Amino acid sequence: LAQMERYPDGGGFTLKRALAGRLGVSERQITLGN
């Protein structure tokens, strides 16, 4: 919340990297959604 004036990472790099590591897939295989 301390950074709420900033736009989020449009590509979701950190979240996709965390998901890829957890699921054993490539970051290129992930699509994020609201």
ModelCIF file with pLDDT and N, C-alpha, C, O atoms, coordinates in Angstrom:
data_MODEL
#
_entry.id   MODEL 
#
_entity.id                         1 
_entity.type                       polymer 
_entity.pdbx_number_of_molecules   1 
#
_entity_poly.entity_id                      1 
_entity_poly.type                           'polypeptide(L)' 
_entity_poly.nstd_linkage                   no 
_entity_poly.nstd_monomer                   no 
_entity_poly.pdbx_seq_one_letter_code       LAQMERYPDGGGFTLKRALAGRLGVSERQITLGN 
_entity_poly.pdbx_seq_one_letter_code_can   LAQMERYPDGGGFTLKRALAGRLGVSERQITLGN 
_entity_poly.pdbx_strand_id                 A 
#
loop_
_entity_poly_seq.entity_id 
_entity_poly_seq.num 
_entity_poly_seq.mon_id 
_entity_poly_seq.hetero 
1 1  LEU n 
1 2  ALA n 
1 3  GLN n 
1 4  MET n 
1 5  GLU n 
1 6  ARG n 
1 7  TYR n 
1 8  PRO n 
1 9  ASP n 
1 10 GLY n 
1 11 GLY n 
1 12 GLY n 
1 13 PHE n 
1 14 THR n 
1 15 LEU n 
1 16 LYS n 
1 17 ARG n 
1 18 ALA n 
1 19 LEU n 
1 20 ALA n 
1 21 GLY n 
1 22 ARG n 
1 23 LEU n 
1 24 GLY n 
1 25 VAL n 
1 26 SER n 
1 27 GLU n 
1 28 ARG n 
1 29 GLN n 
1 30 ILE n 
1 31 THR n 
1 32 LEU n 
1 33 GLY n 
1 34 ASN n 
#
_struct_asym.id          A 
_struct_asym.entity_id   1 
#
loop_
_ma_qa_metric.id 
_ma_qa_metric.mode 
_ma_qa_metric.name 
_ma_qa_metric.software_group_id 
_ma_qa_metric.type 
1 global pLDDT . pLDDT 
2 local  pLDDT . pLDDT 
#
_ma_qa_metric_global.metric_id      1 
_ma_qa_metric_global.metric_value   96.50 
_ma_qa_metric_global.model_id       1 
_ma_qa_metric_global.ordinal_id     1 
#
loop_
_ma_qa_metric_local.label_asym_id 
_ma_qa_metric_local.label_comp_id 
_ma_qa_metric_local.label_seq_id 
_ma_qa_metric_local.metric_id 
_ma_qa_metric_local.metric_value 
_ma_qa_metric_local.model_id 
_ma_qa_metric_local.ordinal_id 
A LEU 1  2 96.00 1 1  
A ALA 2  2 96.00 1 2  
A GLN 3  2 96.00 1 3  
A MET 4  2 94.00 1 4  
A GLU 5  2 96.00 1 5  
A ARG 6  2 95.00 1 6  
A TYR 7  2 95.00 1 7  
A PRO 8  2 96.00 1 8  
A ASP 9  2 94.00 1 9  
A GLY 10 2 93.00 1 10 
A GLY 11 2 94.00 1 11 
A GLY 12 2 96.00 1 12 
A PHE 13 2 96.00 1 13 
A THR 14 2 97.00 1 14 
A LEU 15 2 98.00 1 15 
A LYS 16 2 98.00 1 16 
A ARG 17 2 98.00 1 17 
A ALA 18 2 98.00 1 18 
A LEU 19 2 98.00 1 19 
A ALA 20 2 98.00 1 20 
A GLY 21 2 97.00 1 21 
A ARG 22 2 96.00 1 22 
A LEU 23 2 97.00 1 23 
A GLY 24 2 96.00 1 24 
A VAL 25 2 97.00 1 25 
A SER 26 2 97.00 1 26 
A GLU 27 2 97.00 1 27 
A ARG 28 2 97.00 1 28 
A GLN 29 2 98.00 1 29 
A ILE 30 2 98.00 1 30 
A THR 31 2 98.00 1 31 
A LEU 32 2 98.00 1 32 
A GLY 33 2 97.00 1 33 
A ASN 34 2 96.00 1 34 
#
loop_
_atom_site.group_PDB 
_atom_site.id 
_atom_site.type_symbol 
_atom_site.label_atom_id 
_atom_site.label_alt_id 
_atom_site.label_comp_id 
_atom_site.label_asym_id 
_atom_site.label_entity_id 
_atom_site.label_seq_id 
_atom_site.pdbx_PDB_ins_code 
_atom_site.Cartn_x 
_atom_site.Cartn_y 
_atom_site.Cartn_z 
_atom_site.occupancy 
_atom_site.B_iso_or_equiv 
_atom_site.pdbx_formal_charge 
_atom_site.auth_seq_id 
_atom_site.auth_comp_id 
_atom_site.auth_asym_id 
_atom_site.auth_atom_id 
_atom_site.pdbx_PDB_model_num 
ATOM 1   N N  . LEU A 1 1  ? 0.817  -1.215  0.000   1.00 96.00 ? 1  LEU A N  1 
ATOM 2   C CA . LEU A 1 1  ? 0.000  0.000   0.000   1.00 96.00 ? 1  LEU A CA 1 
ATOM 3   C C  . LEU A 1 1  ? 0.854  1.270   0.000   1.00 96.00 ? 1  LEU A C  1 
ATOM 4   O O  . LEU A 1 1  ? 0.396  2.329   -0.429  1.00 96.00 ? 1  LEU A O  1 
ATOM 5   N N  . ALA A 1 2  ? 2.083  1.165   0.476   1.00 96.00 ? 2  ALA A N  1 
ATOM 6   C CA . ALA A 1 2  ? 2.972  2.331   0.511   1.00 96.00 ? 2  ALA A CA 1 
ATOM 7   C C  . ALA A 1 2  ? 3.348  2.795   -0.892  1.00 96.00 ? 2  ALA A C  1 
ATOM 8   O O  . ALA A 1 2  ? 3.863  3.900   -1.064  1.00 96.00 ? 2  ALA A O  1 
ATOM 9   N N  . GLN A 1 3  ? 3.093  1.958   -1.894  1.00 96.00 ? 3  GLN A N  1 
ATOM 10  C CA . GLN A 1 3  ? 3.417  2.307   -3.277  1.00 96.00 ? 3  GLN A CA 1 
ATOM 11  C C  . GLN A 1 3  ? 2.160  2.435   -4.133  1.00 96.00 ? 3  GLN A C  1 
ATOM 12  O O  . GLN A 1 3  ? 2.220  2.257   -5.350  1.00 96.00 ? 3  GLN A O  1 
ATOM 13  N N  . MET A 1 4  ? 1.039  2.737   -3.518  1.00 94.00 ? 4  MET A N  1 
ATOM 14  C CA . MET A 1 4  ? -0.226 2.721   -4.267  1.00 94.00 ? 4  MET A CA 1 
ATOM 15  C C  . MET A 1 4  ? -0.304 3.776   -5.361  1.00 94.00 ? 4  MET A C  1 
ATOM 16  O O  . MET A 1 4  ? -1.178 3.697   -6.224  1.00 94.00 ? 4  MET A O  1 
ATOM 17  N N  . GLU A 1 5  ? 0.585  4.755   -5.345  1.00 96.00 ? 5  GLU A N  1 
ATOM 18  C CA . GLU A 1 5  ? 0.572  5.753   -6.419  1.00 96.00 ? 5  GLU A CA 1 
ATOM 19  C C  . GLU A 1 5  ? 1.203  5.217   -7.699  1.00 96.00 ? 5  GLU A C  1 
ATOM 20  O O  . GLU A 1 5  ? 1.104  5.854   -8.747  1.00 96.00 ? 5  GLU A O  1 
ATOM 21  N N  . ARG A 1 6  ? 1.853  4.047   -7.629  1.00 95.00 ? 6  ARG A N  1 
ATOM 22  C CA . ARG A 1 6  ? 2.522  3.457   -8.786  1.00 95.00 ? 6  ARG A CA 1 
ATOM 23  C C  . ARG A 1 6  ? 1.607  2.481   -9.516  1.00 95.00 ? 6  ARG A C  1 
ATOM 24  O O  . ARG A 1 6  ? 0.781  1.803   -8.905  1.00 95.00 ? 6  ARG A O  1 
ATOM 25  N N  . TYR A 1 7  ? 1.771  2.425   -10.822 1.00 95.00 ? 7  TYR A N  1 
ATOM 26  C CA . TYR A 1 7  ? 1.114  1.358   -11.572 1.00 95.00 ? 7  TYR A CA 1 
ATOM 27  C C  . TYR A 1 7  ? 1.740  0.018   -11.188 1.00 95.00 ? 7  TYR A C  1 
ATOM 28  O O  . TYR A 1 7  ? 2.924  -0.042  -10.855 1.00 95.00 ? 7  TYR A O  1 
ATOM 29  N N  . PRO A 1 8  ? 0.953  -1.051  -11.235 1.00 96.00 ? 8  PRO A N  1 
ATOM 30  C CA . PRO A 1 8  ? 1.546  -2.364  -10.973 1.00 96.00 ? 8  PRO A CA 1 
ATOM 31  C C  . PRO A 1 8  ? 2.430  -2.799  -12.135 1.00 96.00 ? 8  PRO A C  1 
ATOM 32  O O  . PRO A 1 8  ? 2.387  -2.212  -13.217 1.00 96.00 ? 8  PRO A O  1 
ATOM 33  N N  . ASP A 1 9  ? 3.220  -3.821  -11.900 1.00 94.00 ? 9  ASP A N  1 
ATOM 34  C CA . ASP A 1 9  ? 4.011  -4.416  -12.973 1.00 94.00 ? 9  ASP A CA 1 
ATOM 35  C C  . ASP A 1 9  ? 3.049  -4.999  -14.000 1.00 94.00 ? 9  ASP A C  1 
ATOM 36  O O  . ASP A 1 9  ? 2.343  -5.968  -13.718 1.00 94.00 ? 9  ASP A O  1 
ATOM 37  N N  . GLY A 1 10 ? 3.024  -4.409  -15.190 1.00 93.00 ? 10 GLY A N  1 
ATOM 38  C CA . GLY A 1 10 ? 2.070  -4.834  -16.211 1.00 93.00 ? 10 GLY A CA 1 
ATOM 39  C C  . GLY A 1 10 ? 2.274  -6.258  -16.677 1.00 93.00 ? 10 GLY A C  1 
ATOM 40  O O  . GLY A 1 10 ? 1.333  -6.899  -17.145 1.00 93.00 ? 10 GLY A O  1 
ATOM 41  N N  . GLY A 1 11 ? 3.495  -6.764  -16.556 1.00 94.00 ? 11 GLY A N  1 
ATOM 42  C CA . GLY A 1 11 ? 3.762  -8.132  -16.966 1.00 94.00 ? 11 GLY A CA 1 
ATOM 43  C C  . GLY A 1 11 ? 3.699  -9.129  -15.823 1.00 94.00 ? 11 GLY A C  1 
ATOM 44  O O  . GLY A 1 11 ? 3.772  -10.337 -16.046 1.00 94.00 ? 11 GLY A O  1 
ATOM 45  N N  . GLY A 1 12 ? 3.562  -8.625  -14.586 1.00 96.00 ? 12 GLY A N  1 
ATOM 46  C CA . GLY A 1 12 ? 3.473  -9.509  -13.426 1.00 96.00 ? 12 GLY A CA 1 
ATOM 47  C C  . GLY A 1 12 ? 4.696  -10.393 -13.253 1.00 96.00 ? 12 GLY A C  1 
ATOM 48  O O  . GLY A 1 12 ? 4.570  -11.572 -12.923 1.00 96.00 ? 12 GLY A O  1 
ATOM 49  N N  . PHE A 1 13 ? 5.890  -9.827  -13.474 1.00 96.00 ? 13 PHE A N  1 
ATOM 50  C CA . PHE A 1 13 ? 7.116  -10.628 -13.518 1.00 96.00 ? 13 PHE A CA 1 
ATOM 51  C C  . PHE A 1 13 ? 7.330  -11.444 -12.242 1.00 96.00 ? 13 PHE A C  1 
ATOM 52  O O  . PHE A 1 13 ? 7.542  -12.654 -12.314 1.00 96.00 ? 13 PHE A O  1 
ATOM 53  N N  . THR A 1 14 ? 7.276  -10.797 -11.083 1.00 97.00 ? 14 THR A N  1 
ATOM 54  C CA . THR A 1 14 ? 7.578  -11.491 -9.830  1.00 97.00 ? 14 THR A CA 1 
ATOM 55  C C  . THR A 1 14 ? 6.556  -12.579 -9.541  1.00 97.00 ? 14 THR A C  1 
ATOM 56  O O  . THR A 1 14 ? 6.923  -13.677 -9.121  1.00 97.00 ? 14 THR A O  1 
ATOM 57  N N  . LEU A 1 15 ? 5.283  -12.291 -9.760  1.00 98.00 ? 15 LEU A N  1 
ATOM 58  C CA . LEU A 1 15 ? 4.242  -13.289 -9.521  1.00 98.00 ? 15 LEU A CA 1 
ATOM 59  C C  . LEU A 1 15 ? 4.372  -14.453 -10.499 1.00 98.00 ? 15 LEU A C  1 
ATOM 60  O O  . LEU A 1 15 ? 4.244  -15.609 -10.095 1.00 98.00 ? 15 LEU A O  1 
ATOM 61  N N  . LYS A 1 16 ? 4.620  -14.172 -11.764 1.00 98.00 ? 16 LYS A N  1 
ATOM 62  C CA . LYS A 1 16 ? 4.769  -15.252 -12.747 1.00 98.00 ? 16 LYS A CA 1 
ATOM 63  C C  . LYS A 1 16 ? 5.993  -16.106 -12.436 1.00 98.00 ? 16 LYS A C  1 
ATOM 64  O O  . LYS A 1 16 ? 5.957  -17.326 -12.598 1.00 98.00 ? 16 LYS A O  1 
ATOM 65  N N  . ARG A 1 17 ? 7.063  -15.479 -11.994 1.00 98.00 ? 17 ARG A N  1 
ATOM 66  C CA . ARG A 1 17 ? 8.256  -16.243 -11.635 1.00 98.00 ? 17 ARG A CA 1 
ATOM 67  C C  . ARG A 1 17 ? 7.964  -17.154 -10.442 1.00 98.00 ? 17 ARG A C  1 
ATOM 68  O O  . ARG A 1 17 ? 8.393  -18.307 -10.422 1.00 98.00 ? 17 ARG A O  1 
ATOM 69  N N  . ALA A 1 18 ? 7.232  -16.637 -9.443  1.00 98.00 ? 18 ALA A N  1 
ATOM 70  C CA . ALA A 1 18 ? 6.890  -17.451 -8.278  1.00 98.00 ? 18 ALA A CA 1 
ATOM 71  C C  . ALA A 1 18 ? 5.979  -18.610 -8.663  1.00 98.00 ? 18 ALA A C  1 
ATOM 72  O O  . ALA A 1 18 ? 6.164  -19.730 -8.185  1.00 98.00 ? 18 ALA A O  1 
ATOM 73  N N  . LEU A 1 19 ? 4.998  -18.351 -9.521  1.00 98.00 ? 19 LEU A N  1 
ATOM 74  C CA . LEU A 1 19 ? 4.094  -19.412 -9.974  1.00 98.00 ? 19 LEU A CA 1 
ATOM 75  C C  . LEU A 1 19 ? 4.843  -20.467 -10.781 1.00 98.00 ? 19 LEU A C  1 
ATOM 76  O O  . LEU A 1 19 ? 4.636  -21.666 -10.594 1.00 98.00 ? 19 LEU A O  1 
ATOM 77  N N  . ALA A 1 20 ? 5.708  -20.015 -11.674 1.00 98.00 ? 20 ALA A N  1 
ATOM 78  C CA . ALA A 1 20 ? 6.464  -20.948 -12.509 1.00 98.00 ? 20 ALA A CA 1 
ATOM 79  C C  . ALA A 1 20 ? 7.319  -21.866 -11.641 1.00 98.00 ? 20 ALA A C  1 
ATOM 80  O O  . ALA A 1 20 ? 7.381  -23.072 -11.881 1.00 98.00 ? 20 ALA A O  1 
ATOM 81  N N  . GLY A 1 21 ? 7.978  -21.296 -10.631 1.00 97.00 ? 21 GLY A N  1 
ATOM 82  C CA . GLY A 1 21 ? 8.793  -22.107 -9.744  1.00 97.00 ? 21 GLY A CA 1 
ATOM 83  C C  . GLY A 1 21 ? 7.977  -23.110 -8.953  1.00 97.00 ? 21 GLY A C  1 
ATOM 84  O O  . GLY A 1 21 ? 8.408  -24.243 -8.740  1.00 97.00 ? 21 GLY A O  1 
ATOM 85  N N  . ARG A 1 22 ? 6.800  -22.693 -8.520  1.00 96.00 ? 22 ARG A N  1 
ATOM 86  C CA . ARG A 1 22 ? 5.940  -23.578 -7.729  1.00 96.00 ? 22 ARG A CA 1 
ATOM 87  C C  . ARG A 1 22 ? 5.358  -24.694 -8.599  1.00 96.00 ? 22 ARG A C  1 
ATOM 88  O O  . ARG A 1 22 ? 5.265  -25.837 -8.151  1.00 96.00 ? 22 ARG A O  1 
ATOM 89  N N  . LEU A 1 23 ? 4.967  -24.378 -9.830  1.00 97.00 ? 23 LEU A N  1 
ATOM 90  C CA . LEU A 1 23 ? 4.261  -25.331 -10.685 1.00 97.00 ? 23 LEU A CA 1 
ATOM 91  C C  . LEU A 1 23 ? 5.179  -26.135 -11.599 1.00 97.00 ? 23 LEU A C  1 
ATOM 92  O O  . LEU A 1 23 ? 4.743  -27.105 -12.219 1.00 97.00 ? 23 LEU A O  1 
ATOM 93  N N  . GLY A 1 24 ? 6.444  -25.739 -11.686 1.00 96.00 ? 24 GLY A N  1 
ATOM 94  C CA . GLY A 1 24 ? 7.366  -26.443 -12.558 1.00 96.00 ? 24 GLY A CA 1 
ATOM 95  C C  . GLY A 1 24 ? 7.112  -26.183 -14.032 1.00 96.00 ? 24 GLY A C  1 
ATOM 96  O O  . GLY A 1 24 ? 7.266  -27.079 -14.862 1.00 96.00 ? 24 GLY A O  1 
ATOM 97  N N  . VAL A 1 25 ? 6.724  -24.958 -14.358 1.00 97.00 ? 25 VAL A N  1 
ATOM 98  C CA . VAL A 1 25 ? 6.479  -24.575 -15.745 1.00 97.00 ? 25 VAL A CA 1 
ATOM 99  C C  . VAL A 1 25 ? 7.303  -23.340 -16.066 1.00 97.00 ? 25 VAL A C  1 
ATOM 100 O O  . VAL A 1 25 ? 7.957  -22.771 -15.191 1.00 97.00 ? 25 VAL A O  1 
ATOM 101 N N  . SER A 1 26 ? 7.266  -22.931 -17.327 1.00 97.00 ? 26 SER A N  1 
ATOM 102 C CA . SER A 1 26 ? 7.935  -21.705 -17.745 1.00 97.00 ? 26 SER A CA 1 
ATOM 103 C C  . SER A 1 26 ? 7.053  -20.497 -17.458 1.00 97.00 ? 26 SER A C  1 
ATOM 104 O O  . SER A 1 26 ? 5.827  -20.600 -17.496 1.00 97.00 ? 26 SER A O  1 
ATOM 105 N N  . GLU A 1 27 ? 7.662  -19.369 -17.174 1.00 97.00 ? 27 GLU A N  1 
ATOM 106 C CA . GLU A 1 27 ? 6.905  -18.126 -17.002 1.00 97.00 ? 27 GLU A CA 1 
ATOM 107 C C  . GLU A 1 27 ? 6.113  -17.783 -18.256 1.00 97.00 ? 27 GLU A C  1 
ATOM 108 O O  . GLU A 1 27 ? 5.075  -17.126 -18.183 1.00 97.00 ? 27 GLU A O  1 
ATOM 109 N N  . ARG A 1 28 ? 6.610  -18.232 -19.409 1.00 97.00 ? 28 ARG A N  1 
ATOM 110 C CA . ARG A 1 28 ? 5.933  -17.965 -20.678 1.00 97.00 ? 28 ARG A CA 1 
ATOM 111 C C  . ARG A 1 28 ? 4.614  -18.724 -20.789 1.00 97.00 ? 28 ARG A C  1 
ATOM 112 O O  . ARG A 1 28 ? 3.821  -18.449 -21.689 1.00 97.00 ? 28 ARG A O  1 
ATOM 113 N N  . GLN A 1 29 ? 4.370  -19.669 -19.893 1.00 98.00 ? 29 GLN A N  1 
ATOM 114 C CA . GLN A 1 29 ? 3.133  -20.453 -19.937 1.00 98.00 ? 29 GLN A CA 1 
ATOM 115 C C  . GLN A 1 29 ? 2.026  -19.866 -19.069 1.00 98.00 ? 29 GLN A C  1 
ATOM 116 O O  . GLN A 1 29 ? 0.939  -20.441 -18.997 1.00 98.00 ? 29 GLN A O  1 
ATOM 117 N N  . ILE A 1 30 ? 2.270  -18.754 -18.418 1.00 98.00 ? 30 ILE A N  1 
ATOM 118 C CA . ILE A 1 30 ? 1.330  -18.206 -17.434 1.00 98.00 ? 30 ILE A CA 1 
ATOM 119 C C  . ILE A 1 30 ? 0.679  -16.934 -17.954 1.00 98.00 ? 30 ILE A C  1 
ATOM 120 O O  . ILE A 1 30 ? 1.344  -16.061 -18.511 1.00 98.00 ? 30 ILE A O  1 
ATOM 121 N N  . THR A 1 31 ? -0.622 -16.844 -17.763 1.00 98.00 ? 31 THR A N  1 
ATOM 122 C CA . THR A 1 31 ? -1.393 -15.645 -18.075 1.00 98.00 ? 31 THR A CA 1 
ATOM 123 C C  . THR A 1 31 ? -2.118 -15.206 -16.809 1.00 98.00 ? 31 THR A C  1 
ATOM 124 O O  . THR A 1 31 ? -2.859 -15.989 -16.214 1.00 98.00 ? 31 THR A O  1 
ATOM 125 N N  . LEU A 1 32 ? -1.912 -13.969 -16.396 1.00 98.00 ? 32 LEU A N  1 
ATOM 126 C CA . LEU A 1 32 ? -2.526 -13.468 -15.166 1.00 98.00 ? 32 LEU A CA 1 
ATOM 127 C C  . LEU A 1 32 ? -3.876 -12.819 -15.447 1.00 98.00 ? 32 LEU A C  1 
ATOM 128 O O  . LEU A 1 32 ? -4.115 -12.294 -16.534 1.00 98.00 ? 32 LEU A O  1 
ATOM 129 N N  . GLY A 1 33 ? -4.752 -12.866 -14.447 1.00 97.00 ? 33 GLY A N  1 
ATOM 130 C CA . GLY A 1 33 ? -6.072 -12.270 -14.612 1.00 97.00 ? 33 GLY A CA 1 
ATOM 131 C C  . GLY A 1 33 ? -6.584 -11.632 -13.338 1.00 97.00 ? 33 GLY A C  1 
ATOM 132 O O  . GLY A 1 33 ? -6.107 -11.920 -12.240 1.00 97.00 ? 33 GLY A O  1 
ATOM 133 N N  . ASN A 1 34 ? -7.561 -10.764 -13.503 1.00 96.00 ? 34 ASN A N  1 
ATOM 134 C CA . ASN A 1 34 ? -8.221 -10.098 -12.389 1.00 96.00 ? 34 ASN A CA 1 
ATOM 135 C C  . ASN A 1 34 ? -9.245 -11.067 -11.806 1.00 96.00 ? 34 ASN A C  1 
ATOM 136 O O  . ASN A 1 34 ? -9.937 -10.731 -10.845 1.00 96.00 ? 34 ASN A O  1 
#
